[in-house]
Structures are given as C-alpha cells and as structure tokens.
Amino acid sequence: MSDEEHHFESKADAGASKTYPQQAGTIRKNGYINIKNRPCKVVEVSTSKTGKHGHAKCHFVGIDIFTGKKLEDIVPSSHNCDVPHVTRTDYQLIDISEDGFVSLLTESGGTKDDLKLPTDDALLTQIKEGFAEGKDLVVSVMPAMGEEQINALKDIGPKN
C-alpha cells in the first residue's frame, strides 16, 4: 500500500442522466426521441421491412421541442435510441421584467427568475396581453436535457 493520496477530477454533473435508452421499435408517435442531440416530439414514425441484412429500420420525424425545427433520423428497430427525460411543471406568473425574463411562483412559495419569455410569437402575445390585463396566468414549463422553456399558458381568471 502506498501513502499517496489519489485525486480524481470529474467533469460530469452529479445526478440523473439527461436521456434514457429505449428500443427504436417501441417509440411511437407523440412520444419523445433524441435526434441530432436535440429533444424532439415524434410526429411521424414509419418502419421498413427487414432487408437482406435482417434489420427493419424505423424512420423518425420529430419537431425540436425548443426550436420547432423538423429533424429526421433512421435507426434499426432493434437498436436503442436516446429518449430525453421530459417533464412538465406549472408555475404562476408573477412578473415580466424589462429584459424579457419572467418571475414565476414555485409550489414551495419561492420564485423562479431564470426563464425568458417564449420565442413563439402567438404564445408571447397571449402572455403579455393577459399579464397587461391583470389576469392570473399559469405557465407550463417543459425542461429537457438541461434546457427549459415556457410552452403553454392557462388563464385562471382575473386577479382578486
């Protein structure tokens, strides 16, 4: 045994992985998949017949959940694909700052101030107009693969 101390430097973050493996043949429309390292919602899946090398192939068409871009991928149906962990959390909107950041009320009573207004023009207009009218608004935030974005809005009535 030596008296030296070993120091290991880790560049990885502690905690859960941003994706999990799932067999390509089991991924369905309206599910999620990682295409070109971007989290996508699957809008179309087609499976080809087995070829001379014995693998059926799945052709996925997905829409990036943050940018709205259309991405495609072809994977043998027996191979694993990365599927992003996608959750949805609702927060009450408290304030919109001058620089485009929103202040949201968390379930624990704290505030979340690190999110920008969405880039989707229709949703952005709905949020700004509803806030200007003094309505109580609840926004749905969808985090995936280390990114977060507001992707839906619920109007829960006028402020009391």
N, C-alpha and C. Protein backbone atom coordinates (compact mmCIF):
# COMPACT_ATOMS: atom_id res chain seq x y z
N MET A 1 0.84 -1.18 0.00
CA MET A 1 0.00 0.00 0.00
C MET A 1 0.88 1.24 0.00
N SER A 2 0.45 2.24 -0.75
CA SER A 2 1.22 3.47 -0.78
C SER A 2 0.54 4.52 0.09
N ASP A 3 1.31 5.51 0.49
CA ASP A 3 0.78 6.58 1.33
C ASP A 3 0.27 7.76 0.50
N GLU A 4 0.35 7.62 -0.83
CA GLU A 4 -0.09 8.71 -1.70
C GLU A 4 -1.61 8.81 -1.70
N GLU A 5 -2.05 10.04 -1.82
CA GLU A 5 -3.49 10.25 -1.96
C GLU A 5 -3.81 10.44 -3.43
N HIS A 6 -4.87 9.81 -3.87
CA HIS A 6 -5.28 9.95 -5.28
C HIS A 6 -6.43 10.95 -5.37
N HIS A 7 -6.29 11.89 -6.29
CA HIS A 7 -7.34 12.88 -6.51
C HIS A 7 -7.90 12.68 -7.91
N PHE A 8 -9.21 12.55 -7.99
CA PHE A 8 -9.86 12.38 -9.27
C PHE A 8 -10.68 13.62 -9.57
N GLU A 9 -10.53 14.12 -10.78
CA GLU A 9 -11.34 15.27 -11.19
C GLU A 9 -12.45 14.77 -12.10
N SER A 10 -13.64 15.13 -11.75
CA SER A 10 -14.78 14.71 -12.54
C SER A 10 -15.39 15.93 -13.22
N LYS A 11 -15.63 15.82 -14.50
CA LYS A 11 -16.26 16.92 -15.24
C LYS A 11 -17.77 16.68 -15.37
N ALA A 12 -18.23 15.50 -14.98
CA ALA A 12 -19.66 15.17 -15.10
C ALA A 12 -20.43 15.76 -13.94
N ASP A 13 -21.71 16.08 -14.18
CA ASP A 13 -22.52 16.58 -13.08
C ASP A 13 -23.15 15.40 -12.35
N ALA A 14 -23.29 15.58 -11.05
CA ALA A 14 -23.90 14.52 -10.25
C ALA A 14 -25.39 14.54 -10.51
N GLY A 15 -25.99 13.38 -10.54
CA GLY A 15 -27.44 13.34 -10.74
C GLY A 15 -27.80 12.46 -11.91
N ALA A 16 -29.05 12.56 -12.28
CA ALA A 16 -29.60 11.67 -13.30
C ALA A 16 -29.10 12.06 -14.69
N SER A 17 -29.14 11.08 -15.56
CA SER A 17 -28.78 11.29 -16.96
C SER A 17 -29.87 12.13 -17.63
N LYS A 18 -29.50 12.84 -18.67
CA LYS A 18 -30.47 13.67 -19.39
C LYS A 18 -31.35 12.83 -20.32
N THR A 19 -30.89 11.60 -20.62
CA THR A 19 -31.66 10.71 -21.51
C THR A 19 -31.65 9.30 -20.94
N TYR A 20 -32.53 8.47 -21.49
CA TYR A 20 -32.51 7.05 -21.16
C TYR A 20 -32.67 6.26 -22.45
N PRO A 21 -32.13 5.03 -22.49
CA PRO A 21 -32.22 4.24 -23.73
C PRO A 21 -33.60 3.58 -23.88
N GLN A 22 -34.08 3.53 -25.12
CA GLN A 22 -35.32 2.82 -25.42
C GLN A 22 -35.18 2.23 -26.81
N GLN A 23 -35.67 1.01 -26.98
CA GLN A 23 -35.55 0.34 -28.27
C GLN A 23 -36.34 1.12 -29.32
N ALA A 24 -35.71 1.35 -30.48
CA ALA A 24 -36.30 2.18 -31.53
C ALA A 24 -37.68 1.69 -31.97
N GLY A 25 -37.86 0.38 -32.03
CA GLY A 25 -39.13 -0.19 -32.48
C GLY A 25 -40.29 0.06 -31.53
N THR A 26 -40.00 0.51 -30.28
CA THR A 26 -41.07 0.74 -29.31
C THR A 26 -41.45 2.22 -29.18
N ILE A 27 -40.75 3.10 -29.88
CA ILE A 27 -41.05 4.52 -29.81
C ILE A 27 -42.20 4.84 -30.77
N ARG A 28 -43.22 5.51 -30.26
CA ARG A 28 -44.43 5.78 -31.02
C ARG A 28 -44.62 7.27 -31.28
N LYS A 29 -45.58 7.58 -32.15
CA LYS A 29 -45.96 8.95 -32.44
C LYS A 29 -46.40 9.63 -31.14
N ASN A 30 -46.10 10.91 -30.99
CA ASN A 30 -46.37 11.73 -29.80
C ASN A 30 -45.46 11.40 -28.62
N GLY A 31 -44.51 10.48 -28.80
CA GLY A 31 -43.51 10.23 -27.78
C GLY A 31 -42.36 11.21 -27.98
N TYR A 32 -41.25 10.96 -27.29
CA TYR A 32 -40.08 11.83 -27.43
C TYR A 32 -38.88 11.01 -27.86
N ILE A 33 -37.96 11.64 -28.57
CA ILE A 33 -36.73 10.99 -29.02
C ILE A 33 -35.65 12.05 -29.15
N ASN A 34 -34.42 11.62 -29.04
CA ASN A 34 -33.27 12.50 -29.21
C ASN A 34 -32.78 12.37 -30.65
N ILE A 35 -32.90 13.42 -31.45
CA ILE A 35 -32.40 13.40 -32.83
C ILE A 35 -31.33 14.47 -32.95
N LYS A 36 -30.15 14.08 -33.39
CA LYS A 36 -29.02 15.01 -33.52
C LYS A 36 -28.79 15.78 -32.22
N ASN A 37 -28.88 15.06 -31.11
CA ASN A 37 -28.65 15.58 -29.77
C ASN A 37 -29.61 16.71 -29.37
N ARG A 38 -30.83 16.68 -29.94
CA ARG A 38 -31.88 17.64 -29.60
C ARG A 38 -33.13 16.87 -29.16
N PRO A 39 -33.82 17.31 -28.09
CA PRO A 39 -35.05 16.64 -27.67
C PRO A 39 -36.18 16.96 -28.63
N CYS A 40 -36.81 15.92 -29.18
CA CYS A 40 -37.86 16.11 -30.18
C CYS A 40 -39.12 15.35 -29.81
N LYS A 41 -40.26 15.91 -30.20
CA LYS A 41 -41.53 15.20 -30.10
C LYS A 41 -41.73 14.49 -31.43
N VAL A 42 -42.03 13.19 -31.37
CA VAL A 42 -42.18 12.38 -32.59
C VAL A 42 -43.52 12.71 -33.24
N VAL A 43 -43.48 13.14 -34.52
CA VAL A 43 -44.72 13.44 -35.24
C VAL A 43 -45.03 12.39 -36.29
N GLU A 44 -44.03 11.57 -36.66
CA GLU A 44 -44.24 10.54 -37.68
C GLU A 44 -43.24 9.41 -37.48
N VAL A 45 -43.72 8.17 -37.54
CA VAL A 45 -42.85 7.00 -37.47
C VAL A 45 -43.25 6.06 -38.59
N SER A 46 -42.27 5.61 -39.37
CA SER A 46 -42.56 4.57 -40.35
C SER A 46 -41.49 3.51 -40.23
N THR A 47 -41.90 2.26 -40.38
CA THR A 47 -40.97 1.15 -40.23
C THR A 47 -40.88 0.40 -41.56
N SER A 48 -39.65 0.20 -42.03
CA SER A 48 -39.45 -0.54 -43.28
C SER A 48 -39.36 -2.03 -42.98
N LYS A 49 -39.53 -2.84 -44.02
CA LYS A 49 -39.40 -4.29 -43.85
C LYS A 49 -37.93 -4.65 -43.66
N THR A 50 -37.71 -5.85 -43.14
CA THR A 50 -36.33 -6.29 -42.94
C THR A 50 -35.66 -6.43 -44.30
N GLY A 51 -34.43 -5.96 -44.35
CA GLY A 51 -33.67 -6.02 -45.59
C GLY A 51 -32.84 -7.28 -45.66
N LYS A 52 -31.89 -7.32 -46.59
CA LYS A 52 -31.08 -8.54 -46.73
C LYS A 52 -30.13 -8.74 -45.56
N HIS A 53 -29.90 -7.68 -44.76
CA HIS A 53 -29.05 -7.84 -43.58
C HIS A 53 -29.86 -8.06 -42.32
N GLY A 54 -31.17 -8.18 -42.44
CA GLY A 54 -32.00 -8.64 -41.33
C GLY A 54 -32.50 -7.59 -40.36
N HIS A 55 -32.32 -6.30 -40.64
CA HIS A 55 -32.81 -5.29 -39.71
C HIS A 55 -33.92 -4.47 -40.34
N ALA A 56 -35.05 -4.39 -39.63
CA ALA A 56 -36.09 -3.43 -40.03
C ALA A 56 -35.60 -2.07 -39.56
N LYS A 57 -35.93 -1.04 -40.32
CA LYS A 57 -35.47 0.29 -39.94
C LYS A 57 -36.66 1.18 -39.61
N CYS A 58 -36.49 2.02 -38.58
CA CYS A 58 -37.52 2.98 -38.20
C CYS A 58 -37.09 4.36 -38.67
N HIS A 59 -37.99 5.02 -39.38
CA HIS A 59 -37.74 6.39 -39.84
C HIS A 59 -38.55 7.32 -38.95
N PHE A 60 -37.85 8.18 -38.19
CA PHE A 60 -38.50 9.10 -37.26
C PHE A 60 -38.47 10.52 -37.82
N VAL A 61 -39.60 11.20 -37.70
CA VAL A 61 -39.66 12.63 -37.99
C VAL A 61 -40.08 13.28 -36.68
N GLY A 62 -39.26 14.21 -36.19
CA GLY A 62 -39.54 14.86 -34.92
C GLY A 62 -39.44 16.37 -35.02
N ILE A 63 -40.15 17.05 -34.13
CA ILE A 63 -40.09 18.51 -34.04
C ILE A 63 -39.36 18.84 -32.74
N ASP A 64 -38.27 19.60 -32.86
CA ASP A 64 -37.50 20.02 -31.69
C ASP A 64 -38.42 20.77 -30.74
N ILE A 65 -38.49 20.35 -29.47
CA ILE A 65 -39.45 20.95 -28.53
C ILE A 65 -39.08 22.36 -28.12
N PHE A 66 -37.86 22.80 -28.40
CA PHE A 66 -37.46 24.17 -28.04
C PHE A 66 -37.39 25.10 -29.25
N THR A 67 -36.94 24.61 -30.40
CA THR A 67 -36.77 25.50 -31.56
C THR A 67 -37.88 25.33 -32.59
N GLY A 68 -38.62 24.22 -32.55
CA GLY A 68 -39.68 23.98 -33.52
C GLY A 68 -39.16 23.46 -34.86
N LYS A 69 -37.85 23.18 -34.96
CA LYS A 69 -37.29 22.69 -36.23
C LYS A 69 -37.63 21.23 -36.43
N LYS A 70 -37.81 20.85 -37.69
CA LYS A 70 -38.13 19.47 -38.06
C LYS A 70 -36.81 18.70 -38.24
N LEU A 71 -36.67 17.57 -37.56
CA LEU A 71 -35.48 16.74 -37.67
C LEU A 71 -35.89 15.31 -38.01
N GLU A 72 -35.01 14.60 -38.75
CA GLU A 72 -35.30 13.22 -39.13
C GLU A 72 -34.13 12.32 -38.78
N ASP A 73 -34.46 11.04 -38.52
CA ASP A 73 -33.42 10.05 -38.22
C ASP A 73 -33.92 8.68 -38.65
N ILE A 74 -32.99 7.81 -39.07
CA ILE A 74 -33.32 6.43 -39.42
C ILE A 74 -32.46 5.53 -38.54
N VAL A 75 -33.11 4.62 -37.80
CA VAL A 75 -32.43 3.76 -36.84
C VAL A 75 -32.94 2.33 -37.02
N PRO A 76 -32.05 1.30 -36.98
CA PRO A 76 -32.54 -0.08 -36.98
C PRO A 76 -33.47 -0.29 -35.78
N SER A 77 -34.60 -0.97 -36.01
CA SER A 77 -35.63 -1.08 -34.97
C SER A 77 -35.17 -1.84 -33.73
N SER A 78 -34.13 -2.67 -33.86
CA SER A 78 -33.66 -3.42 -32.70
C SER A 78 -32.64 -2.63 -31.89
N HIS A 79 -32.17 -1.50 -32.39
CA HIS A 79 -31.17 -0.70 -31.69
C HIS A 79 -31.83 0.25 -30.69
N ASN A 80 -31.04 0.68 -29.70
CA ASN A 80 -31.55 1.63 -28.71
C ASN A 80 -31.38 3.06 -29.19
N CYS A 81 -32.35 3.89 -28.86
CA CYS A 81 -32.29 5.33 -29.12
C CYS A 81 -32.25 6.03 -27.77
N ASP A 82 -31.70 7.23 -27.76
CA ASP A 82 -31.76 8.04 -26.55
C ASP A 82 -33.10 8.77 -26.52
N VAL A 83 -33.77 8.69 -25.38
CA VAL A 83 -35.05 9.36 -25.18
C VAL A 83 -34.85 10.36 -24.04
N PRO A 84 -35.16 11.65 -24.28
CA PRO A 84 -34.95 12.65 -23.22
C PRO A 84 -35.98 12.51 -22.11
N HIS A 85 -35.54 12.83 -20.88
CA HIS A 85 -36.48 12.92 -19.76
C HIS A 85 -37.21 14.24 -19.92
N VAL A 86 -38.50 14.18 -20.21
CA VAL A 86 -39.29 15.39 -20.41
C VAL A 86 -40.38 15.42 -19.35
N THR A 87 -40.42 16.51 -18.61
CA THR A 87 -41.47 16.68 -17.60
C THR A 87 -42.18 18.00 -17.89
N ARG A 88 -43.25 18.24 -17.20
CA ARG A 88 -43.96 19.50 -17.38
C ARG A 88 -44.33 20.00 -15.98
N THR A 89 -44.02 21.26 -15.69
CA THR A 89 -44.32 21.85 -14.40
C THR A 89 -45.09 23.14 -14.62
N ASP A 90 -46.12 23.35 -13.81
CA ASP A 90 -46.90 24.58 -13.92
C ASP A 90 -46.47 25.57 -12.83
N TYR A 91 -46.32 26.83 -13.23
CA TYR A 91 -45.95 27.89 -12.30
C TYR A 91 -46.89 29.07 -12.53
N GLN A 92 -47.18 29.81 -11.45
CA GLN A 92 -47.99 31.02 -11.60
C GLN A 92 -47.06 32.17 -11.98
N LEU A 93 -47.50 32.96 -12.96
CA LEU A 93 -46.72 34.10 -13.43
C LEU A 93 -46.90 35.26 -12.46
N ILE A 94 -45.78 35.80 -11.97
CA ILE A 94 -45.83 36.93 -11.03
C ILE A 94 -45.52 38.23 -11.76
N ASP A 95 -44.45 38.23 -12.55
CA ASP A 95 -43.99 39.47 -13.16
C ASP A 95 -43.24 39.20 -14.45
N ILE A 96 -43.20 40.19 -15.32
CA ILE A 96 -42.38 40.15 -16.54
C ILE A 96 -41.45 41.35 -16.46
N SER A 97 -40.14 41.10 -16.52
CA SER A 97 -39.17 42.20 -16.42
C SER A 97 -38.94 42.86 -17.77
N GLU A 98 -38.27 44.01 -17.74
CA GLU A 98 -37.98 44.77 -18.97
C GLU A 98 -37.12 43.97 -19.95
N ASP A 99 -36.20 43.15 -19.42
CA ASP A 99 -35.26 42.42 -20.28
C ASP A 99 -35.81 41.08 -20.78
N GLY A 100 -37.11 40.81 -20.58
CA GLY A 100 -37.73 39.61 -21.13
C GLY A 100 -37.70 38.40 -20.24
N PHE A 101 -37.23 38.54 -19.00
CA PHE A 101 -37.26 37.42 -18.06
C PHE A 101 -38.57 37.45 -17.29
N VAL A 102 -39.05 36.25 -16.90
CA VAL A 102 -40.29 36.16 -16.14
C VAL A 102 -39.98 35.75 -14.71
N SER A 103 -40.84 36.17 -13.81
CA SER A 103 -40.74 35.76 -12.41
C SER A 103 -41.92 34.83 -12.15
N LEU A 104 -41.61 33.61 -11.73
CA LEU A 104 -42.64 32.58 -11.55
C LEU A 104 -42.69 32.14 -10.09
N LEU A 105 -43.89 31.82 -9.61
CA LEU A 105 -44.09 31.35 -8.24
C LEU A 105 -44.01 29.83 -8.23
N THR A 106 -43.11 29.26 -7.42
CA THR A 106 -42.97 27.80 -7.34
C THR A 106 -43.97 27.25 -6.32
N GLU A 107 -44.12 25.92 -6.30
CA GLU A 107 -45.05 25.28 -5.36
C GLU A 107 -44.61 25.49 -3.92
N SER A 108 -43.30 25.61 -3.69
CA SER A 108 -42.78 25.77 -2.33
C SER A 108 -42.90 27.21 -1.84
N GLY A 109 -43.38 28.12 -2.72
CA GLY A 109 -43.57 29.51 -2.32
C GLY A 109 -42.42 30.41 -2.71
N GLY A 110 -41.38 29.86 -3.28
CA GLY A 110 -40.24 30.65 -3.74
C GLY A 110 -40.49 31.19 -5.13
N THR A 111 -39.49 31.86 -5.68
CA THR A 111 -39.63 32.36 -7.05
C THR A 111 -38.58 31.75 -7.95
N LYS A 112 -38.91 31.65 -9.21
CA LYS A 112 -38.01 31.16 -10.25
C LYS A 112 -37.86 32.30 -11.24
N ASP A 113 -36.63 32.84 -11.32
CA ASP A 113 -36.42 34.05 -12.11
C ASP A 113 -35.44 33.85 -13.27
N ASP A 114 -35.17 32.61 -13.65
CA ASP A 114 -34.13 32.35 -14.65
C ASP A 114 -34.68 32.00 -16.03
N LEU A 115 -35.97 32.18 -16.25
CA LEU A 115 -36.57 31.84 -17.55
C LEU A 115 -36.91 33.08 -18.35
N LYS A 116 -36.65 32.99 -19.65
CA LYS A 116 -37.01 34.09 -20.55
C LYS A 116 -38.42 33.83 -21.11
N LEU A 117 -39.02 34.87 -21.65
CA LEU A 117 -40.30 34.71 -22.34
C LEU A 117 -40.11 33.77 -23.53
N PRO A 118 -41.16 33.04 -23.95
CA PRO A 118 -41.01 32.11 -25.07
C PRO A 118 -40.75 32.84 -26.38
N THR A 119 -40.16 32.13 -27.33
CA THR A 119 -39.86 32.72 -28.64
C THR A 119 -41.05 32.59 -29.59
N ASP A 120 -42.00 31.71 -29.28
CA ASP A 120 -43.20 31.54 -30.10
C ASP A 120 -44.05 32.81 -30.02
N ASP A 121 -44.26 33.48 -31.17
CA ASP A 121 -44.93 34.79 -31.18
C ASP A 121 -46.35 34.75 -30.64
N ALA A 122 -47.12 33.72 -31.00
CA ALA A 122 -48.51 33.64 -30.55
C ALA A 122 -48.59 33.51 -29.03
N LEU A 123 -47.75 32.63 -28.47
CA LEU A 123 -47.74 32.41 -27.02
C LEU A 123 -47.22 33.66 -26.30
N LEU A 124 -46.20 34.29 -26.87
CA LEU A 124 -45.63 35.51 -26.30
C LEU A 124 -46.68 36.61 -26.21
N THR A 125 -47.47 36.78 -27.28
CA THR A 125 -48.52 37.80 -27.31
C THR A 125 -49.59 37.49 -26.26
N GLN A 126 -50.00 36.21 -26.16
CA GLN A 126 -51.01 35.81 -25.17
C GLN A 126 -50.55 36.12 -23.75
N ILE A 127 -49.28 35.81 -23.45
CA ILE A 127 -48.75 36.04 -22.10
C ILE A 127 -48.70 37.53 -21.80
N LYS A 128 -48.15 38.33 -22.73
CA LYS A 128 -48.03 39.78 -22.49
C LYS A 128 -49.39 40.44 -22.35
N GLU A 129 -50.34 40.08 -23.23
CA GLU A 129 -51.67 40.70 -23.17
C GLU A 129 -52.41 40.31 -21.90
N GLY A 130 -52.36 39.02 -21.55
CA GLY A 130 -53.02 38.54 -20.33
C GLY A 130 -52.44 39.19 -19.09
N PHE A 131 -51.13 39.36 -19.06
CA PHE A 131 -50.47 39.99 -17.91
C PHE A 131 -50.85 41.47 -17.82
N ALA A 132 -50.91 42.14 -18.98
CA ALA A 132 -51.27 43.56 -19.02
C ALA A 132 -52.71 43.78 -18.55
N GLU A 133 -53.59 42.80 -18.83
CA GLU A 133 -54.99 42.89 -18.40
C GLU A 133 -55.16 42.54 -16.93
N GLY A 134 -54.09 42.11 -16.28
CA GLY A 134 -54.16 41.79 -14.85
C GLY A 134 -54.74 40.42 -14.55
N LYS A 135 -54.70 39.49 -15.51
CA LYS A 135 -55.24 38.15 -15.29
C LYS A 135 -54.25 37.30 -14.50
N ASP A 136 -54.78 36.31 -13.78
CA ASP A 136 -53.94 35.30 -13.14
C ASP A 136 -53.55 34.29 -14.21
N LEU A 137 -52.28 34.18 -14.51
CA LEU A 137 -51.82 33.27 -15.55
C LEU A 137 -50.94 32.18 -14.96
N VAL A 138 -51.14 30.96 -15.47
CA VAL A 138 -50.29 29.83 -15.10
C VAL A 138 -49.59 29.37 -16.37
N VAL A 139 -48.25 29.31 -16.33
CA VAL A 139 -47.48 28.87 -17.49
C VAL A 139 -46.95 27.47 -17.25
N SER A 140 -46.91 26.67 -18.32
CA SER A 140 -46.32 25.33 -18.25
C SER A 140 -44.89 25.42 -18.75
N VAL A 141 -43.96 24.91 -17.94
CA VAL A 141 -42.55 24.93 -18.30
C VAL A 141 -42.12 23.50 -18.58
N MET A 142 -41.48 23.30 -19.73
CA MET A 142 -41.03 21.97 -20.10
C MET A 142 -39.50 21.94 -20.10
N PRO A 143 -38.90 21.25 -19.10
CA PRO A 143 -37.45 21.09 -19.12
C PRO A 143 -37.05 19.76 -19.76
N ALA A 144 -35.96 19.78 -20.53
CA ALA A 144 -35.41 18.56 -21.12
C ALA A 144 -33.95 18.81 -21.46
N MET A 145 -33.10 17.89 -21.11
CA MET A 145 -31.68 17.92 -21.46
C MET A 145 -31.00 19.23 -21.07
N GLY A 146 -31.31 19.75 -19.89
CA GLY A 146 -30.63 20.93 -19.38
C GLY A 146 -31.19 22.25 -19.90
N GLU A 147 -32.23 22.21 -20.72
CA GLU A 147 -32.87 23.44 -21.21
C GLU A 147 -34.28 23.50 -20.66
N GLU A 148 -34.79 24.71 -20.53
CA GLU A 148 -36.17 24.90 -20.08
C GLU A 148 -36.81 25.98 -20.94
N GLN A 149 -38.11 25.82 -21.17
CA GLN A 149 -38.82 26.84 -21.94
C GLN A 149 -40.30 26.81 -21.59
N ILE A 150 -40.91 27.98 -21.58
CA ILE A 150 -42.36 28.07 -21.39
C ILE A 150 -43.01 27.60 -22.69
N ASN A 151 -43.96 26.65 -22.58
CA ASN A 151 -44.55 26.13 -23.81
C ASN A 151 -46.07 26.13 -23.81
N ALA A 152 -46.70 26.57 -22.72
CA ALA A 152 -48.17 26.63 -22.70
C ALA A 152 -48.62 27.64 -21.67
N LEU A 153 -49.87 28.08 -21.81
CA LEU A 153 -50.41 29.10 -20.92
C LEU A 153 -51.84 28.73 -20.54
N LYS A 154 -52.16 28.93 -19.25
CA LYS A 154 -53.53 28.73 -18.79
C LYS A 154 -53.98 30.02 -18.10
N ASP A 155 -55.16 30.45 -18.44
CA ASP A 155 -55.75 31.63 -17.81
C ASP A 155 -56.67 31.14 -16.70
N ILE A 156 -56.35 31.49 -15.44
CA ILE A 156 -57.19 31.01 -14.33
C ILE A 156 -58.08 32.12 -13.78
N GLY A 157 -58.33 33.13 -14.61
CA GLY A 157 -59.27 34.18 -14.23
C GLY A 157 -58.61 35.47 -13.82
N PRO A 158 -59.43 36.50 -13.53
CA PRO A 158 -58.88 37.80 -13.12
C PRO A 158 -58.32 37.74 -11.72
N LYS A 159 -57.34 38.62 -11.44
CA LYS A 159 -56.74 38.67 -10.10
C LYS A 159 -57.76 39.21 -9.12
N ASN A 160 -57.72 38.68 -7.89
CA ASN A 160 -58.65 39.12 -6.86
C ASN A 160 -58.12 40.31 -6.11
